[in-house]
């Protein structure tokens, strides 16, 4: 999936955003958008998609075969490899914090 580039802001839009950013919080009218404090159905990370970077990587054939065998018809095995690498990174970060 290609990332869609957005058009640049116009000078008028930049000026409007700057004016809004300069407003103190007590001057912002939020009456039509009440604050929601209860989020029982919220799903963390639902819209987060990390940026992917294509690269060439040499991996042992038996490792690739194992990941392909773990997924139906070998579909999504690269995603599962990415999940395994991300899990490894998280564990390493926890170990370093504990040290």
PDB file of N, CA and C in Angstrom:
ATOM      1  N   UNK A   1       0.843  -1.176   0.000  1.00  0.00           N
ATOM      2  CA  UNK A   1       0.000   0.000   0.000  1.00  0.00           C
ATOM      3  C   UNK A   1       0.884   1.234   0.000  1.00  0.00           C
ATOM      4  N   UNK A   2       0.685   2.088  -0.966  1.00  0.00           N
ATOM      5  CA  UNK A   2       1.493   3.298  -1.061  1.00  0.00           C
ATOM      6  C   UNK A   2       0.929   4.390  -0.179  1.00  0.00           C
ATOM      7  N   UNK A   3       1.833   5.165   0.399  1.00  0.00           N
ATOM      8  CA  UNK A   3       1.432   6.279   1.234  1.00  0.00           C
ATOM      9  C   UNK A   3       0.998   7.428   0.334  1.00  0.00           C
ATOM     10  N   UNK A   4      -0.178   7.966   0.616  1.00  0.00           N
ATOM     11  CA  UNK A   4      -0.704   9.081  -0.163  1.00  0.00           C
ATOM     12  C   UNK A   4      -0.125  10.371   0.402  1.00  0.00           C
ATOM     13  N   UNK A   5       0.454  11.169  -0.466  1.00  0.00           N
ATOM     14  CA  UNK A   5       1.014  12.436   0.011  1.00  0.00           C
ATOM     15  C   UNK A   5      -0.087  13.488   0.029  1.00  0.00           C
ATOM     16  N   UNK A   6      -0.115  14.261   1.090  1.00  0.00           N
ATOM     17  CA  UNK A   6      -1.117  15.313   1.196  1.00  0.00           C
ATOM     18  C   UNK A   6      -0.567  16.597   0.588  1.00  0.00           C
ATOM     19  N   UNK A   7      -1.473  17.452   0.183  1.00  0.00           N
ATOM     20  CA  UNK A   7      -1.032  18.718  -0.388  1.00  0.00           C
ATOM     21  C   UNK A   7      -0.562  19.638   0.733  1.00  0.00           C
ATOM     22  N   UNK A   8       0.264  20.559   0.403  1.00  0.00           N
ATOM     23  CA  UNK A   8       0.793  21.508   1.388  1.00  0.00           C
ATOM     24  C   UNK A   8      -0.298  22.480   1.828  1.00  0.00           C
ATOM     25  N   UNK A   9      -0.150  22.997   3.041  1.00  0.00           N
ATOM     26  CA  UNK A   9      -1.107  23.979   3.549  1.00  0.00           C
ATOM     27  C   UNK A   9      -0.897  25.309   2.839  1.00  0.00           C
ATOM     28  N   UNK A  10      -1.995  25.991   2.645  1.00  0.00           N
ATOM     29  CA  UNK A  10      -1.905  27.330   2.057  1.00  0.00           C
ATOM     30  C   UNK A  10      -1.467  28.302   3.154  1.00  0.00           C
ATOM     31  N   UNK A  11      -1.091  29.500   2.746  1.00  0.00           N
ATOM     32  CA  UNK A  11      -0.694  30.530   3.712  1.00  0.00           C
ATOM     33  C   UNK A  11      -1.861  30.864   4.640  1.00  0.00           C
ATOM     34  N   UNK A  12      -3.065  30.895   4.091  1.00  0.00           N
ATOM     35  CA  UNK A  12      -4.256  31.188   4.891  1.00  0.00           C
ATOM     36  C   UNK A  12      -4.483  30.095   5.940  1.00  0.00           C
ATOM     37  N   UNK A  13      -4.318  28.835   5.540  1.00  0.00           N
ATOM     38  CA  UNK A  13      -4.500  27.727   6.476  1.00  0.00           C
ATOM     39  C   UNK A  13      -3.433  27.760   7.579  1.00  0.00           C
ATOM     40  N   UNK A  14      -2.191  28.064   7.200  1.00  0.00           N
ATOM     41  CA  UNK A  14      -1.117  28.152   8.203  1.00  0.00           C
ATOM     42  C   UNK A  14      -1.393  29.273   9.201  1.00  0.00           C
ATOM     43  N   UNK A  15      -1.883  30.404   8.705  1.00  0.00           N
ATOM     44  CA  UNK A  15      -2.200  31.532   9.578  1.00  0.00           C
ATOM     45  C   UNK A  15      -3.341  31.183  10.530  1.00  0.00           C
ATOM     46  N   UNK A  16      -4.345  30.469  10.029  1.00  0.00           N
ATOM     47  CA  UNK A  16      -5.474  30.071  10.870  1.00  0.00           C
ATOM     48  C   UNK A  16      -5.018  29.090  11.957  1.00  0.00           C
ATOM     49  N   UNK A  17      -4.184  28.147  11.595  1.00  0.00           N
ATOM     50  CA  UNK A  17      -3.666  27.199  12.590  1.00  0.00           C
ATOM     51  C   UNK A  17      -2.804  27.901  13.635  1.00  0.00           C
ATOM     52  N   UNK A  18      -2.008  28.850  13.204  1.00  0.00           N
ATOM     53  CA  UNK A  18      -1.171  29.600  14.144  1.00  0.00           C
ATOM     54  C   UNK A  18      -2.037  30.392  15.123  1.00  0.00           C
ATOM     55  N   UNK A  19      -3.113  30.991  14.618  1.00  0.00           N
ATOM     56  CA  UNK A  19      -4.016  31.758  15.483  1.00  0.00           C
ATOM     57  C   UNK A  19      -4.704  30.847  16.493  1.00  0.00           C
ATOM     58  N   UNK A  20      -5.110  29.660  16.047  1.00  0.00           N
ATOM     59  CA  UNK A  20      -5.741  28.709  16.962  1.00  0.00           C
ATOM     60  C   UNK A  20      -4.751  28.210  18.010  1.00  0.00           C
ATOM     61  N   UNK A  21      -3.530  27.963  17.613  1.00  0.00           N
ATOM     62  CA  UNK A  21      -2.511  27.482  18.549  1.00  0.00           C
ATOM     63  C   UNK A  21      -2.176  28.538  19.591  1.00  0.00           C
ATOM     64  N   UNK A  22      -2.316  29.813  19.232  1.00  0.00           N
ATOM     65  CA  UNK A  22      -1.991  30.899  20.154  1.00  0.00           C
ATOM     66  C   UNK A  22      -3.085  31.145  21.183  1.00  0.00           C
ATOM     67  N   UNK A  23      -4.297  30.616  20.934  1.00  0.00           N
ATOM     68  CA  UNK A  23      -5.395  30.824  21.871  1.00  0.00           C
ATOM     69  C   UNK A  23      -5.124  30.108  23.193  1.00  0.00           C
ATOM     70  N   UNK A  24      -5.382  30.785  24.327  1.00  0.00           N
ATOM     71  CA  UNK A  24      -5.269  30.080  25.609  1.00  0.00           C
ATOM     72  C   UNK A  24      -6.404  29.062  25.734  1.00  0.00           C
ATOM     73  N   UNK A  25      -6.188  27.992  26.500  1.00  0.00           N
ATOM     74  CA  UNK A  25      -7.175  26.925  26.627  1.00  0.00           C
ATOM     75  C   UNK A  25      -8.537  27.416  27.101  1.00  0.00           C
ATOM     76  N   UNK A  26      -8.558  28.394  28.007  1.00  0.00           N
ATOM     77  CA  UNK A  26      -9.835  28.857  28.545  1.00  0.00           C
ATOM     78  C   UNK A  26     -10.665  29.640  27.523  1.00  0.00           C
ATOM     79  N   UNK A  27     -10.083  30.018  26.412  1.00  0.00           N
ATOM     80  CA  UNK A  27     -10.818  30.734  25.363  1.00  0.00           C
ATOM     81  C   UNK A  27     -11.356  29.807  24.284  1.00  0.00           C
ATOM     82  N   UNK A  28     -11.050  28.531  24.388  1.00  0.00           N
ATOM     83  CA  UNK A  28     -11.511  27.569  23.384  1.00  0.00           C
ATOM     84  C   UNK A  28     -12.864  27.023  23.814  1.00  0.00           C
ATOM     85  N   UNK A  29     -13.867  27.162  22.966  1.00  0.00           N
ATOM     86  CA  UNK A  29     -15.225  26.701  23.267  1.00  0.00           C
ATOM     87  C   UNK A  29     -15.349  25.233  22.867  1.00  0.00           C
ATOM     88  N   UNK A  30     -15.507  24.373  23.854  1.00  0.00           N
ATOM     89  CA  UNK A  30     -15.661  22.938  23.587  1.00  0.00           C
ATOM     90  C   UNK A  30     -17.064  22.460  23.946  1.00  0.00           C
ATOM     91  N   UNK A  31     -18.025  23.361  24.005  1.00  0.00           N
ATOM     92  CA  UNK A  31     -19.388  23.003  24.405  1.00  0.00           C
ATOM     93  C   UNK A  31     -20.013  21.986  23.450  1.00  0.00           C
ATOM     94  N   UNK A  32     -19.687  22.077  22.170  1.00  0.00           N
ATOM     95  CA  UNK A  32     -20.294  21.157  21.209  1.00  0.00           C
ATOM     96  C   UNK A  32     -19.524  19.839  21.088  1.00  0.00           C
ATOM     97  N   UNK A  33     -18.413  19.712  21.798  1.00  0.00           N
ATOM     98  CA  UNK A  33     -17.648  18.468  21.806  1.00  0.00           C
ATOM     99  C   UNK A  33     -17.268  18.122  23.251  1.00  0.00           C
ATOM    100  N   UNK A  34     -18.225  17.602  24.012  1.00  0.00           N
ATOM    101  CA  UNK A  34     -17.936  17.300  25.407  1.00  0.00           C
ATOM    102  C   UNK A  34     -16.818  16.261  25.540  1.00  0.00           C
ATOM    103  N   UNK A  35     -16.041  16.402  26.592  1.00  0.00           N
ATOM    104  CA  UNK A  35     -14.924  15.497  26.822  1.00  0.00           C
ATOM    105  C   UNK A  35     -15.440  14.111  27.185  1.00  0.00           C
ATOM    106  N   UNK A  36     -14.905  13.101  26.552  1.00  0.00           N
ATOM    107  CA  UNK A  36     -15.281  11.720  26.831  1.00  0.00           C
ATOM    108  C   UNK A  36     -14.210  11.124  27.731  1.00  0.00           C
ATOM    109  N   UNK A  37     -14.635  10.606  28.867  1.00  0.00           N
ATOM    110  CA  UNK A  37     -13.675  10.013  29.807  1.00  0.00           C
ATOM    111  C   UNK A  37     -13.799   8.499  29.872  1.00  0.00           C
ATOM    112  N   UNK A  38     -14.855   7.949  29.311  1.00  0.00           N
ATOM    113  CA  UNK A  38     -15.088   6.514  29.361  1.00  0.00           C
ATOM    114  C   UNK A  38     -14.842   5.922  27.974  1.00  0.00           C
ATOM    115  N   UNK A  39     -13.853   5.056  27.857  1.00  0.00           N
ATOM    116  CA  UNK A  39     -13.465   4.479  26.564  1.00  0.00           C
ATOM    117  C   UNK A  39     -13.490   2.945  26.618  1.00  0.00           C
ATOM    118  N   UNK A  40     -14.630   2.323  26.946  1.00  0.00           N
ATOM    119  CA  UNK A  40     -14.618   0.866  27.096  1.00  0.00           C
ATOM    120  C   UNK A  40     -14.405   0.118  25.781  1.00  0.00           C
ATOM    121  N   UNK A  41     -14.792   0.701  24.675  1.00  0.00           N
ATOM    122  CA  UNK A  41     -14.663   0.013  23.385  1.00  0.00           C
ATOM    123  C   UNK A  41     -13.460   0.482  22.577  1.00  0.00           C
ATOM    124  N   UNK A  42     -12.595   1.286  23.197  1.00  0.00           N
ATOM    125  CA  UNK A  42     -11.436   1.807  22.478  1.00  0.00           C
ATOM    126  C   UNK A  42     -10.461   0.681  22.164  1.00  0.00           C
ATOM    127  N   UNK A  43      -9.803   0.787  21.026  1.00  0.00           N
ATOM    128  CA  UNK A  43      -8.811  -0.202  20.604  1.00  0.00           C
ATOM    129  C   UNK A  43      -7.501   0.507  20.362  1.00  0.00           C
ATOM    130  N   UNK A  44      -6.512   0.196  21.177  1.00  0.00           N
ATOM    131  CA  UNK A  44      -5.210   0.835  21.073  1.00  0.00           C
ATOM    132  C   UNK A  44      -4.492   0.378  19.796  1.00  0.00           C
ATOM    133  N   UNK A  45      -3.917   1.335  19.111  1.00  0.00           N
ATOM    134  CA  UNK A  45      -3.111   1.033  17.937  1.00  0.00           C
ATOM    135  C   UNK A  45      -3.891   0.657  16.692  1.00  0.00           C
ATOM    136  N   UNK A  46      -5.188   0.862  16.694  1.00  0.00           N
ATOM    137  CA  UNK A  46      -6.015   0.456  15.560  1.00  0.00           C
ATOM    138  C   UNK A  46      -5.612   1.164  14.270  1.00  0.00           C
ATOM    139  N   UNK A  47      -5.263   2.436  14.360  1.00  0.00           N
ATOM    140  CA  UNK A  47      -4.938   3.205  13.163  1.00  0.00           C
ATOM    141  C   UNK A  47      -3.445   3.426  12.994  1.00  0.00           C
ATOM    142  N   UNK A  48      -2.647   2.901  13.905  1.00  0.00           N
ATOM    143  CA  UNK A  48      -1.202   3.074  13.812  1.00  0.00           C
ATOM    144  C   UNK A  48      -0.628   2.077  12.820  1.00  0.00           C
ATOM    145  N   UNK A  49       0.094   2.576  11.862  1.00  0.00           N
ATOM    146  CA  UNK A  49       0.785   1.717  10.909  1.00  0.00           C
ATOM    147  C   UNK A  49       2.208   2.220  10.791  1.00  0.00           C
ATOM    148  N   UNK A  50       3.163   1.446  11.305  1.00  0.00           N
ATOM    149  CA  UNK A  50       4.547   1.901  11.197  1.00  0.00           C
ATOM    150  C   UNK A  50       4.981   1.956   9.733  1.00  0.00           C
ATOM    151  N   UNK A  51       5.891   2.824   9.454  1.00  0.00           N
ATOM    152  CA  UNK A  51       6.414   2.948   8.094  1.00  0.00           C
ATOM    153  C   UNK A  51       7.263   1.724   7.788  1.00  0.00           C
ATOM    154  N   UNK A  52       7.007   1.107   6.676  1.00  0.00           N
ATOM    155  CA  UNK A  52       7.768  -0.066   6.250  1.00  0.00           C
ATOM    156  C   UNK A  52       8.895   0.383   5.337  1.00  0.00           C
ATOM    157  N   UNK A  53      10.001  -0.328   5.415  1.00  0.00           N
ATOM    158  CA  UNK A  53      11.140  -0.027   4.567  1.00  0.00           C
ATOM    159  C   UNK A  53      11.574  -1.315   3.880  1.00  0.00           C
ATOM    160  N   UNK A  54      11.683  -1.263   2.574  1.00  0.00           N
ATOM    161  CA  UNK A  54      12.084  -2.441   1.817  1.00  0.00           C
ATOM    162  C   UNK A  54      13.588  -2.603   1.875  1.00  0.00           C
ATOM    163  N   UNK A  55      14.037  -3.853   2.064  1.00  0.00           N
ATOM    164  CA  UNK A  55      15.464  -4.120   2.055  1.00  0.00           C
ATOM    165  C   UNK A  55      15.702  -5.546   1.600  1.00  0.00           C
ATOM    166  N   UNK A  56      16.936  -5.841   1.271  1.00  0.00           N
ATOM    167  CA  UNK A  56      17.326  -7.194   0.919  1.00  0.00           C
ATOM    168  C   UNK A  56      18.017  -7.787   2.132  1.00  0.00           C
ATOM    169  N   UNK A  57      17.576  -8.985   2.514  1.00  0.00           N
ATOM    170  CA  UNK A  57      18.074  -9.614   3.721  1.00  0.00           C
ATOM    171  C   UNK A  57      18.259 -11.103   3.455  1.00  0.00           C
ATOM    172  N   UNK A  58      19.395 -11.620   3.821  1.00  0.00           N
ATOM    173  CA  UNK A  58      19.640 -13.054   3.642  1.00  0.00           C
ATOM    174  C   UNK A  58      19.333 -13.765   4.946  1.00  0.00           C
ATOM    175  N   UNK A  59      18.386 -14.712   4.869  1.00  0.00           N
ATOM    176  CA  UNK A  59      17.955 -15.466   6.035  1.00  0.00           C
ATOM    177  C   UNK A  59      18.091 -16.946   5.705  1.00  0.00           C
ATOM    178  N   UNK A  60      18.495 -17.730   6.685  1.00  0.00           N
ATOM    179  CA  UNK A  60      18.661 -19.171   6.473  1.00  0.00           C
ATOM    180  C   UNK A  60      17.369 -19.796   5.961  1.00  0.00           C
ATOM    181  N   UNK A  61      17.510 -20.729   5.022  1.00  0.00           N
ATOM    182  CA  UNK A  61      16.358 -21.354   4.376  1.00  0.00           C
ATOM    183  C   UNK A  61      15.454 -22.055   5.376  1.00  0.00           C
ATOM    184  N   UNK A  62      16.031 -22.695   6.404  1.00  0.00           N
ATOM    185  CA  UNK A  62      15.202 -23.407   7.379  1.00  0.00           C
ATOM    186  C   UNK A  62      14.366 -22.448   8.217  1.00  0.00           C
ATOM    187  N   UNK A  63      14.883 -21.244   8.467  1.00  0.00           N
ATOM    188  CA  UNK A  63      14.123 -20.243   9.220  1.00  0.00           C
ATOM    189  C   UNK A  63      12.931 -19.775   8.385  1.00  0.00           C
ATOM    190  N   UNK A  64      13.163 -19.499   7.113  1.00  0.00           N
ATOM    191  CA  UNK A  64      12.078 -19.071   6.222  1.00  0.00           C
ATOM    192  C   UNK A  64      11.031 -20.182   6.106  1.00  0.00           C
ATOM    193  N   UNK A  65      11.495 -21.416   5.945  1.00  0.00           N
ATOM    194  CA  UNK A  65      10.566 -22.546   5.829  1.00  0.00           C
ATOM    195  C   UNK A  65       9.709 -22.674   7.083  1.00  0.00           C
ATOM    196  N   UNK A  66      10.310 -22.474   8.258  1.00  0.00           N
ATOM    197  CA  UNK A  66       9.552 -22.574   9.506  1.00  0.00           C
ATOM    198  C   UNK A  66       8.444 -21.529   9.540  1.00  0.00           C
ATOM    199  N   UNK A  67       8.775 -20.276   9.217  1.00  0.00           N
ATOM    200  CA  UNK A  67       7.763 -19.221   9.230  1.00  0.00           C
ATOM    201  C   UNK A  67       6.683 -19.486   8.186  1.00  0.00           C
ATOM    202  N   UNK A  68       7.064 -19.959   7.010  1.00  0.00           N
ATOM    203  CA  UNK A  68       6.064 -20.265   5.976  1.00  0.00           C
ATOM    204  C   UNK A  68       5.131 -21.379   6.429  1.00  0.00           C
ATOM    205  N   UNK A  69       5.663 -22.363   7.170  1.00  0.00           N
ATOM    206  CA  UNK A  69       4.837 -23.474   7.655  1.00  0.00           C
ATOM    207  C   UNK A  69       3.903 -23.049   8.784  1.00  0.00           C
ATOM    208  N   UNK A  70       4.185 -21.931   9.429  1.00  0.00           N
ATOM    209  CA  UNK A  70       3.352 -21.459  10.539  1.00  0.00           C
ATOM    210  C   UNK A  70       2.140 -20.676  10.071  1.00  0.00           C
ATOM    211  N   UNK A  71       2.118 -20.304   8.809  1.00  0.00           N
ATOM    212  CA  UNK A  71       1.017 -19.496   8.289  1.00  0.00           C
ATOM    213  C   UNK A  71       0.281 -20.267   7.199  1.00  0.00           C
ATOM    214  N   UNK A  72      -1.027 -20.051   7.033  1.00  0.00           N
ATOM    215  CA  UNK A  72      -1.777 -20.765   5.997  1.00  0.00           C
ATOM    216  C   UNK A  72      -1.252 -20.437   4.599  1.00  0.00           C
ATOM    217  N   UNK A  73      -0.863 -21.445   3.863  1.00  0.00           N
ATOM    218  CA  UNK A  73      -0.361 -21.321   2.488  1.00  0.00           C
ATOM    219  C   UNK A  73       0.827 -20.365   2.386  1.00  0.00           C
ATOM    220  N   UNK A  74       1.550 -20.165   3.487  1.00  0.00           N
ATOM    221  CA  UNK A  74       2.724 -19.294   3.471  1.00  0.00           C
ATOM    222  C   UNK A  74       2.394 -17.817   3.372  1.00  0.00           C
ATOM    223  N   UNK A  75       1.104 -17.484   3.480  1.00  0.00           N
ATOM    224  CA  UNK A  75       0.707 -16.078   3.359  1.00  0.00           C
ATOM    225  C   UNK A  75       0.963 -15.354   4.673  1.00  0.00           C
ATOM    226  N   UNK A  76       1.625 -14.228   4.589  1.00  0.00           N
ATOM    227  CA  UNK A  76       1.867 -13.430   5.776  1.00  0.00           C
ATOM    228  C   UNK A  76       3.079 -13.860   6.574  1.00  0.00           C
ATOM    229  N   UNK A  77       3.919 -14.716   6.019  1.00  0.00           N
ATOM    230  CA  UNK A  77       5.069 -15.185   6.793  1.00  0.00           C
ATOM    231  C   UNK A  77       6.051 -14.050   7.068  1.00  0.00           C
ATOM    232  N   UNK A  78       6.155 -13.079   6.166  1.00  0.00           N
ATOM    233  CA  UNK A  78       7.051 -11.950   6.413  1.00  0.00           C
ATOM    234  C   UNK A  78       6.523 -11.080   7.552  1.00  0.00           C
ATOM    235  N   UNK A  79       5.215 -10.936   7.623  1.00  0.00           N
ATOM    236  CA  UNK A  79       4.609 -10.201   8.730  1.00  0.00           C
ATOM    237  C   UNK A  79       4.913 -10.900  10.047  1.00  0.00           C
ATOM    238  N   UNK A  80       4.826 -12.232  10.060  1.00  0.00           N
ATOM    239  CA  UNK A  80       5.123 -12.979  11.279  1.00  0.00           C
ATOM    240  C   UNK A  80       6.591 -12.853  11.664  1.00  0.00           C
ATOM    241  N   UNK A  81       7.465 -12.777  10.687  1.00  0.00           N
ATOM    242  CA  UNK A  81       8.886 -12.557  10.968  1.00  0.00           C
ATOM    243  C   UNK A  81       9.071 -11.173  11.591  1.00  0.00           C
ATOM    244  N   UNK A  82       8.351 -10.195  11.082  1.00  0.00           N
ATOM    245  CA  UNK A  82       8.425  -8.838  11.623  1.00  0.00           C
ATOM    246  C   UNK A  82       7.925  -8.811  13.072  1.00  0.00           C
ATOM    247  N   UNK A  83       6.840  -9.546  13.347  1.00  0.00           N
ATOM    248  CA  UNK A  83       6.295  -9.626  14.708  1.00  0.00           C
ATOM    249  C   UNK A  83       7.331 -10.250  15.645  1.00  0.00           C
ATOM    250  N   UNK A  84       7.992 -11.311  15.182  1.00  0.00           N
ATOM    251  CA  UNK A  84       9.007 -11.974  16.000  1.00  0.00           C
ATOM    252  C   UNK A  84      10.178 -11.033  16.282  1.00  0.00           C
ATOM    253  N   UNK A  85      10.608 -10.282  15.290  1.00  0.00           N
ATOM    254  CA  UNK A  85      11.701  -9.327  15.497  1.00  0.00           C
ATOM    255  C   UNK A  85      11.285  -8.218  16.459  1.00  0.00           C
ATOM    256  N   UNK A  86      10.058  -7.729  16.317  1.00  0.00           N
ATOM    257  CA  UNK A  86       9.577  -6.673  17.212  1.00  0.00           C
ATOM    258  C   UNK A  86       9.501  -7.187  18.654  1.00  0.00           C
ATOM    259  N   UNK A  87       9.048  -8.434  18.825  1.00  0.00           N
ATOM    260  CA  UNK A  87       8.989  -9.036  20.153  1.00  0.00           C
ATOM    261  C   UNK A  87      10.391  -9.145  20.757  1.00  0.00           C
ATOM    262  N   UNK A  88      11.355  -9.534  19.950  1.00  0.00           N
ATOM    263  CA  UNK A  88      12.741  -9.624  20.406  1.00  0.00           C
ATOM    264  C   UNK A  88      13.245  -8.248  20.864  1.00  0.00           C
ATOM    265  N   UNK A  89      12.951  -7.221  20.096  1.00  0.00           N
ATOM    266  CA  UNK A  89      13.372  -5.856  20.457  1.00  0.00           C
ATOM    267  C   UNK A  89      12.773  -5.443  21.795  1.00  0.00           C
ATOM    268  N   UNK A  90      11.482  -5.732  21.997  1.00  0.00           N
ATOM    269  CA  UNK A  90      10.821  -5.368  23.259  1.00  0.00           C
ATOM    270  C   UNK A  90      11.454  -6.101  24.436  1.00  0.00           C
ATOM    271  N   UNK A  91      11.737  -7.406  24.253  1.00  0.00           N
ATOM    272  CA  UNK A  91      12.363  -8.168  25.338  1.00  0.00           C
ATOM    273  C   UNK A  91      13.750  -7.634  25.659  1.00  0.00           C
ATOM    274  N   UNK A  92      14.509  -7.285  24.649  1.00  0.00           N
ATOM    275  CA  UNK A  92      15.847  -6.737  24.871  1.00  0.00           C
ATOM    276  C   UNK A  92      15.781  -5.406  25.608  1.00  0.00           C
ATOM    277  N   UNK A  93      14.804  -4.571  25.249  1.00  0.00           N
ATOM    278  CA  UNK A  93      14.646  -3.281  25.910  1.00  0.00           C
ATOM    279  C   UNK A  93      14.307  -3.476  27.384  1.00  0.00           C
ATOM    280  N   UNK A  94      13.422  -4.457  27.686  1.00  0.00           N
ATOM    281  CA  UNK A  94      13.079  -4.740  29.087  1.00  0.00           C
ATOM    282  C   UNK A  94      14.295  -5.244  29.858  1.00  0.00           C
ATOM    283  N   UNK A  95      15.100  -6.095  29.229  1.00  0.00           N
ATOM    284  CA  UNK A  95      16.298  -6.623  29.887  1.00  0.00           C
ATOM    285  C   UNK A  95      17.291  -5.499  30.186  1.00  0.00           C
ATOM    286  N   UNK A  96      17.418  -4.568  29.257  1.00  0.00           N
ATOM    287  CA  UNK A  96      18.354  -3.455  29.474  1.00  0.00           C
ATOM    288  C   UNK A  96      17.872  -2.533  30.583  1.00  0.00           C
ATOM    289  N   UNK A  97      16.549  -2.350  30.666  1.00  0.00           N
ATOM    290  CA  UNK A  97      16.001  -1.513  31.739  1.00  0.00           C
ATOM    291  C   UNK A  97      16.221  -2.167  33.099  1.00  0.00           C
ATOM    292  N   UNK A  98      16.110  -3.500  33.138  1.00  0.00           N
ATOM    293  CA  UNK A  98      16.261  -4.223  34.397  1.00  0.00           C
ATOM    294  C   UNK A  98      17.710  -4.253  34.855  1.00  0.00           C
ATOM    295  N   UNK A  99      18.644  -4.081  33.925  1.00  0.00           N
ATOM    296  CA  UNK A  99      20.081  -4.155  34.287  1.00  0.00           C
ATOM    297  C   UNK A  99      20.546  -2.931  35.016  1.00  0.00           C
TER     298      UNK A  99
END
